[in-house]
Amino acid sequence: MGIDYGSKRVGIALSDESGNMAFPETVLINDDKLAKAIADIIETKQVTEIVIGHSLHTDGSENPLHTRVKEFITELTLAVGLPIHLEPEQYSTQEAIRFQGRTDKTDASAAAIILNSFLNKRT
């Protein structure tokens, strides 16, 4: 599962069964039900690993959103107990917009870009 964590919306992507390619899945609202909603998807789709976009400034330093990402990683780890990996996510949303324009699935497409980047490094 790939996650593009945003302060308002969180994009979710899933890979194919062989872990070769990621596909946009859904966009969730970032509220107090987020971890439960993701846990439900994990159970339904039998997810075994999570990749979350590592939110950094262009100089490589952590940006303010990354503090919230770290807190969310702790919450999600306690909820699902799966391995969680960080993958640089700079410009993933802009890349998704460039490919498809801004839509209601933009954040899910950004999550697919993040997950594909991670998967490509494994092969």
N, C-alpha and C. Protein backbone atom coordinates (compact mmCIF):
# COMPACT_ATOMS: atom_id res chain seq x y z
N MET A 1 0.84 -1.18 0.00
CA MET A 1 0.00 0.00 0.00
C MET A 1 0.88 1.24 0.00
N GLY A 2 0.54 2.18 -0.85
CA GLY A 2 1.21 3.47 -0.87
C GLY A 2 0.29 4.52 -0.28
N ILE A 3 0.88 5.45 0.47
CA ILE A 3 0.11 6.51 1.11
C ILE A 3 0.75 7.86 0.80
N ASP A 4 -0.05 8.77 0.27
CA ASP A 4 0.35 10.16 0.10
C ASP A 4 -0.38 10.94 1.18
N TYR A 5 0.34 11.23 2.28
CA TYR A 5 -0.26 11.85 3.46
C TYR A 5 -0.33 13.36 3.28
N GLY A 6 -1.53 13.90 3.37
CA GLY A 6 -1.71 15.34 3.31
C GLY A 6 -2.48 15.81 4.52
N SER A 7 -2.42 17.09 4.79
CA SER A 7 -3.09 17.62 5.97
C SER A 7 -4.61 17.53 5.88
N LYS A 8 -5.17 17.53 4.66
CA LYS A 8 -6.62 17.43 4.49
C LYS A 8 -7.07 16.11 3.88
N ARG A 9 -6.31 15.63 2.90
CA ARG A 9 -6.66 14.39 2.19
C ARG A 9 -5.45 13.45 2.19
N VAL A 10 -5.76 12.16 2.14
CA VAL A 10 -4.71 11.14 2.12
C VAL A 10 -5.00 10.20 0.95
N GLY A 11 -4.06 10.15 0.01
CA GLY A 11 -4.21 9.28 -1.14
C GLY A 11 -3.73 7.88 -0.81
N ILE A 12 -4.45 6.89 -1.32
CA ILE A 12 -4.13 5.48 -1.11
C ILE A 12 -3.95 4.81 -2.47
N ALA A 13 -2.88 4.03 -2.59
CA ALA A 13 -2.64 3.23 -3.79
C ALA A 13 -2.32 1.81 -3.36
N LEU A 14 -2.58 0.88 -4.25
CA LEU A 14 -2.27 -0.53 -4.00
C LEU A 14 -1.49 -1.07 -5.19
N SER A 15 -0.67 -2.06 -4.93
CA SER A 15 0.06 -2.69 -6.03
C SER A 15 -0.71 -3.91 -6.53
N ASP A 16 -0.28 -4.38 -7.69
CA ASP A 16 -0.81 -5.66 -8.17
C ASP A 16 -0.29 -6.76 -7.25
N GLU A 17 -0.79 -7.97 -7.42
CA GLU A 17 -0.43 -9.07 -6.52
C GLU A 17 1.06 -9.39 -6.53
N SER A 18 1.72 -9.17 -7.66
CA SER A 18 3.15 -9.48 -7.73
C SER A 18 4.02 -8.34 -7.23
N GLY A 19 3.42 -7.22 -6.88
CA GLY A 19 4.19 -6.09 -6.36
C GLY A 19 5.02 -5.40 -7.41
N ASN A 20 4.58 -5.43 -8.67
CA ASN A 20 5.34 -4.81 -9.75
C ASN A 20 4.86 -3.41 -10.12
N MET A 21 3.58 -3.13 -9.91
CA MET A 21 3.02 -1.86 -10.36
C MET A 21 1.95 -1.38 -9.39
N ALA A 22 1.90 -0.07 -9.17
CA ALA A 22 0.92 0.51 -8.26
C ALA A 22 -0.21 1.16 -9.03
N PHE A 23 -1.39 1.16 -8.40
CA PHE A 23 -2.58 1.73 -8.99
C PHE A 23 -3.30 2.60 -7.95
N PRO A 24 -3.82 3.75 -8.36
CA PRO A 24 -4.58 4.58 -7.42
C PRO A 24 -5.78 3.79 -6.90
N GLU A 25 -6.06 3.92 -5.62
CA GLU A 25 -7.18 3.20 -5.01
C GLU A 25 -8.28 4.16 -4.57
N THR A 26 -7.96 5.07 -3.65
CA THR A 26 -8.99 5.97 -3.11
C THR A 26 -8.32 7.15 -2.44
N VAL A 27 -9.13 8.14 -2.11
CA VAL A 27 -8.68 9.29 -1.34
C VAL A 27 -9.55 9.35 -0.08
N LEU A 28 -8.88 9.45 1.07
CA LEU A 28 -9.57 9.50 2.35
C LEU A 28 -9.42 10.90 2.95
N ILE A 29 -10.39 11.27 3.76
CA ILE A 29 -10.30 12.53 4.51
C ILE A 29 -9.37 12.31 5.70
N ASN A 30 -8.49 13.26 5.95
CA ASN A 30 -7.57 13.15 7.08
C ASN A 30 -8.29 13.66 8.33
N ASP A 31 -8.91 12.72 9.03
CA ASP A 31 -9.59 13.04 10.27
C ASP A 31 -9.28 11.97 11.31
N ASP A 32 -9.98 11.98 12.42
CA ASP A 32 -9.68 11.03 13.50
C ASP A 32 -10.05 9.59 13.16
N LYS A 33 -10.68 9.36 12.00
CA LYS A 33 -11.05 8.00 11.58
C LYS A 33 -10.08 7.45 10.53
N LEU A 34 -9.03 8.20 10.23
CA LEU A 34 -8.12 7.82 9.14
C LEU A 34 -7.45 6.46 9.38
N ALA A 35 -6.85 6.27 10.54
CA ALA A 35 -6.14 5.01 10.81
C ALA A 35 -7.08 3.81 10.70
N LYS A 36 -8.30 3.96 11.19
CA LYS A 36 -9.29 2.88 11.10
C LYS A 36 -9.67 2.60 9.65
N ALA A 37 -9.86 3.66 8.87
CA ALA A 37 -10.21 3.48 7.45
C ALA A 37 -9.09 2.76 6.71
N ILE A 38 -7.85 3.13 7.00
CA ILE A 38 -6.71 2.46 6.35
C ILE A 38 -6.60 1.02 6.83
N ALA A 39 -6.80 0.80 8.12
CA ALA A 39 -6.75 -0.57 8.65
C ALA A 39 -7.80 -1.45 7.98
N ASP A 40 -8.98 -0.89 7.70
CA ASP A 40 -10.03 -1.65 7.02
C ASP A 40 -9.60 -2.02 5.60
N ILE A 41 -8.97 -1.09 4.89
CA ILE A 41 -8.48 -1.39 3.53
C ILE A 41 -7.40 -2.45 3.60
N ILE A 42 -6.51 -2.33 4.56
CA ILE A 42 -5.41 -3.30 4.73
C ILE A 42 -5.97 -4.70 4.92
N GLU A 43 -6.99 -4.82 5.76
CA GLU A 43 -7.58 -6.14 6.01
C GLU A 43 -8.29 -6.67 4.76
N THR A 44 -9.08 -5.83 4.13
CA THR A 44 -9.85 -6.24 2.96
C THR A 44 -8.95 -6.64 1.79
N LYS A 45 -7.91 -5.85 1.56
CA LYS A 45 -7.04 -6.07 0.41
C LYS A 45 -5.81 -6.92 0.73
N GLN A 46 -5.70 -7.38 1.97
CA GLN A 46 -4.60 -8.24 2.43
C GLN A 46 -3.23 -7.61 2.17
N VAL A 47 -3.10 -6.36 2.58
CA VAL A 47 -1.85 -5.61 2.44
C VAL A 47 -0.82 -6.17 3.41
N THR A 48 0.44 -6.27 2.96
CA THR A 48 1.50 -6.81 3.81
C THR A 48 2.59 -5.79 4.16
N GLU A 49 2.64 -4.68 3.42
CA GLU A 49 3.61 -3.62 3.70
C GLU A 49 3.01 -2.28 3.31
N ILE A 50 3.53 -1.22 3.94
CA ILE A 50 3.04 0.13 3.70
C ILE A 50 4.22 1.02 3.31
N VAL A 51 3.99 1.87 2.33
CA VAL A 51 4.98 2.87 1.91
C VAL A 51 4.32 4.24 2.05
N ILE A 52 4.94 5.10 2.84
CA ILE A 52 4.40 6.45 3.05
C ILE A 52 5.38 7.45 2.47
N GLY A 53 4.83 8.45 1.80
CA GLY A 53 5.67 9.50 1.24
C GLY A 53 6.42 10.25 2.32
N HIS A 54 7.73 10.36 2.13
CA HIS A 54 8.61 11.08 3.06
C HIS A 54 8.61 12.54 2.64
N SER A 55 7.97 13.37 3.43
CA SER A 55 7.74 14.76 3.09
C SER A 55 8.94 15.62 3.51
N LEU A 56 9.67 16.11 2.51
CA LEU A 56 10.89 16.88 2.77
C LEU A 56 10.88 18.18 1.97
N HIS A 57 11.67 19.16 2.45
CA HIS A 57 11.94 20.35 1.65
C HIS A 57 12.85 19.95 0.50
N THR A 58 12.99 20.81 -0.49
CA THR A 58 13.85 20.51 -1.64
C THR A 58 15.32 20.34 -1.24
N ASP A 59 15.73 20.92 -0.11
CA ASP A 59 17.12 20.75 0.34
C ASP A 59 17.32 19.46 1.14
N GLY A 60 16.25 18.66 1.28
CA GLY A 60 16.36 17.39 1.98
C GLY A 60 16.01 17.44 3.45
N SER A 61 15.79 18.63 3.99
CA SER A 61 15.41 18.74 5.41
C SER A 61 13.91 18.45 5.56
N GLU A 62 13.54 18.03 6.76
CA GLU A 62 12.14 17.70 7.01
C GLU A 62 11.29 18.96 7.02
N ASN A 63 10.12 18.89 6.39
CA ASN A 63 9.22 20.03 6.40
C ASN A 63 8.20 19.86 7.54
N PRO A 64 7.39 20.87 7.82
CA PRO A 64 6.45 20.78 8.95
C PRO A 64 5.48 19.61 8.86
N LEU A 65 5.07 19.22 7.67
CA LEU A 65 4.14 18.09 7.52
C LEU A 65 4.78 16.78 7.99
N HIS A 66 6.09 16.66 7.87
CA HIS A 66 6.74 15.40 8.24
C HIS A 66 6.55 15.08 9.72
N THR A 67 6.46 16.09 10.57
CA THR A 67 6.19 15.84 11.99
C THR A 67 4.86 15.11 12.15
N ARG A 68 3.85 15.54 11.40
CA ARG A 68 2.55 14.88 11.45
C ARG A 68 2.63 13.48 10.85
N VAL A 69 3.44 13.31 9.81
CA VAL A 69 3.63 11.99 9.21
C VAL A 69 4.23 11.03 10.23
N LYS A 70 5.24 11.48 10.96
CA LYS A 70 5.86 10.61 11.97
C LYS A 70 4.85 10.19 13.04
N GLU A 71 4.01 11.12 13.48
CA GLU A 71 2.97 10.78 14.46
C GLU A 71 1.98 9.77 13.87
N PHE A 72 1.63 9.96 12.61
CA PHE A 72 0.71 9.04 11.95
C PHE A 72 1.34 7.65 11.80
N ILE A 73 2.63 7.59 11.48
CA ILE A 73 3.32 6.30 11.37
C ILE A 73 3.22 5.54 12.69
N THR A 74 3.42 6.24 13.80
CA THR A 74 3.30 5.59 15.11
C THR A 74 1.88 5.07 15.32
N GLU A 75 0.89 5.90 15.02
CA GLU A 75 -0.51 5.48 15.18
C GLU A 75 -0.84 4.28 14.29
N LEU A 76 -0.39 4.33 13.04
CA LEU A 76 -0.69 3.24 12.11
C LEU A 76 0.04 1.96 12.50
N THR A 77 1.27 2.08 12.97
CA THR A 77 2.02 0.91 13.42
C THR A 77 1.29 0.21 14.57
N LEU A 78 0.79 0.99 15.49
CA LEU A 78 0.05 0.41 16.62
C LEU A 78 -1.26 -0.22 16.15
N ALA A 79 -1.88 0.35 15.12
CA ALA A 79 -3.17 -0.16 14.64
C ALA A 79 -3.03 -1.43 13.81
N VAL A 80 -1.97 -1.51 12.97
CA VAL A 80 -1.90 -2.64 12.03
C VAL A 80 -0.66 -3.51 12.17
N GLY A 81 0.41 -2.99 12.76
CA GLY A 81 1.60 -3.80 13.00
C GLY A 81 2.34 -4.27 11.76
N LEU A 82 2.21 -3.56 10.64
CA LEU A 82 2.91 -3.96 9.41
C LEU A 82 4.17 -3.13 9.23
N PRO A 83 5.12 -3.64 8.45
CA PRO A 83 6.30 -2.83 8.13
C PRO A 83 5.89 -1.56 7.38
N ILE A 84 6.48 -0.44 7.77
CA ILE A 84 6.21 0.84 7.11
C ILE A 84 7.52 1.40 6.61
N HIS A 85 7.54 1.76 5.33
CA HIS A 85 8.73 2.31 4.68
C HIS A 85 8.46 3.75 4.28
N LEU A 86 9.50 4.58 4.34
CA LEU A 86 9.39 5.95 3.85
C LEU A 86 10.01 6.02 2.46
N GLU A 87 9.35 6.75 1.57
CA GLU A 87 9.83 6.93 0.20
C GLU A 87 9.72 8.43 -0.13
N PRO A 88 10.81 9.03 -0.63
CA PRO A 88 10.73 10.46 -0.97
C PRO A 88 9.54 10.74 -1.87
N GLU A 89 8.83 11.82 -1.56
CA GLU A 89 7.60 12.11 -2.30
C GLU A 89 7.59 13.49 -2.91
N GLN A 90 8.72 14.12 -2.99
CA GLN A 90 8.75 15.47 -3.53
C GLN A 90 8.14 15.51 -4.92
N TYR A 91 7.20 16.40 -5.09
CA TYR A 91 6.55 16.67 -6.38
C TYR A 91 5.66 15.55 -6.88
N SER A 92 5.32 14.57 -6.05
CA SER A 92 4.45 13.48 -6.52
C SER A 92 3.06 14.01 -6.91
N THR A 93 2.52 14.94 -6.14
CA THR A 93 1.21 15.49 -6.48
C THR A 93 1.28 16.29 -7.79
N GLN A 94 2.35 17.09 -7.95
CA GLN A 94 2.51 17.86 -9.18
C GLN A 94 2.66 16.93 -10.39
N GLU A 95 3.36 15.83 -10.19
CA GLU A 95 3.52 14.85 -11.27
C GLU A 95 2.18 14.23 -11.64
N ALA A 96 1.39 13.90 -10.63
CA ALA A 96 0.06 13.33 -10.88
C ALA A 96 -0.82 14.33 -11.64
N ILE A 97 -0.77 15.59 -11.26
CA ILE A 97 -1.55 16.63 -11.94
C ILE A 97 -1.08 16.78 -13.38
N ARG A 98 0.23 16.71 -13.59
CA ARG A 98 0.77 16.85 -14.95
C ARG A 98 0.26 15.72 -15.85
N PHE A 99 0.15 14.51 -15.31
CA PHE A 99 -0.30 13.36 -16.10
C PHE A 99 -1.80 13.40 -16.39
N GLN A 100 -2.61 13.80 -15.39
CA GLN A 100 -4.06 13.63 -15.52
C GLN A 100 -4.86 14.89 -15.26
N GLY A 101 -4.20 15.97 -14.89
CA GLY A 101 -4.95 17.15 -14.44
C GLY A 101 -5.40 16.93 -13.01
N ARG A 102 -5.92 17.99 -12.38
CA ARG A 102 -6.38 17.85 -11.00
C ARG A 102 -7.78 17.23 -11.01
N THR A 103 -7.91 16.11 -10.30
CA THR A 103 -9.19 15.42 -10.19
C THR A 103 -9.41 15.03 -8.73
N ASP A 104 -10.52 14.38 -8.46
CA ASP A 104 -10.77 13.90 -7.10
C ASP A 104 -9.88 12.71 -6.74
N LYS A 105 -9.16 12.16 -7.72
CA LYS A 105 -8.25 11.03 -7.49
C LYS A 105 -6.78 11.46 -7.52
N THR A 106 -6.50 12.76 -7.58
CA THR A 106 -5.11 13.23 -7.68
C THR A 106 -4.24 12.69 -6.56
N ASP A 107 -4.74 12.72 -5.32
CA ASP A 107 -3.94 12.25 -4.19
C ASP A 107 -3.70 10.75 -4.25
N ALA A 108 -4.66 9.99 -4.75
CA ALA A 108 -4.47 8.54 -4.93
C ALA A 108 -3.43 8.29 -6.02
N SER A 109 -3.45 9.11 -7.07
CA SER A 109 -2.45 8.97 -8.13
C SER A 109 -1.06 9.32 -7.61
N ALA A 110 -0.97 10.33 -6.75
CA ALA A 110 0.32 10.67 -6.13
C ALA A 110 0.81 9.51 -5.27
N ALA A 111 -0.11 8.85 -4.56
CA ALA A 111 0.27 7.67 -3.76
C ALA A 111 0.78 6.56 -4.66
N ALA A 112 0.18 6.40 -5.84
CA ALA A 112 0.67 5.38 -6.79
C ALA A 112 2.06 5.72 -7.29
N ILE A 113 2.34 6.99 -7.50
CA ILE A 113 3.68 7.41 -7.93
C ILE A 113 4.70 7.09 -6.84
N ILE A 114 4.35 7.39 -5.60
CA ILE A 114 5.24 7.08 -4.47
C ILE A 114 5.48 5.58 -4.38
N LEU A 115 4.41 4.79 -4.45
CA LEU A 115 4.54 3.33 -4.34
C LEU A 115 5.33 2.77 -5.52
N ASN A 116 5.08 3.26 -6.72
CA ASN A 116 5.86 2.79 -7.88
C ASN A 116 7.34 3.08 -7.71
N SER A 117 7.67 4.24 -7.19
CA SER A 117 9.07 4.59 -6.95
C SER A 117 9.71 3.57 -6.00
N PHE A 118 9.00 3.22 -4.94
CA PHE A 118 9.50 2.23 -3.98
C PHE A 118 9.65 0.86 -4.64
N LEU A 119 8.62 0.44 -5.37
CA LEU A 119 8.66 -0.88 -6.02
C LEU A 119 9.77 -0.98 -7.05
N ASN A 120 10.01 0.10 -7.80
CA ASN A 120 11.07 0.09 -8.81
C ASN A 120 12.45 -0.10 -8.21
N LYS A 121 12.65 0.36 -6.99
CA LYS A 121 13.94 0.20 -6.32
C LYS A 121 14.16 -1.24 -5.85
N ARG A 122 13.10 -2.00 -5.72
CA ARG A 122 13.19 -3.38 -5.26
C ARG A 122 13.58 -4.33 -6.38
N THR A 123 13.35 -3.95 -7.62
CA THR A 123 13.61 -4.88 -8.74
C THR A 123 14.96 -4.65 -9.36
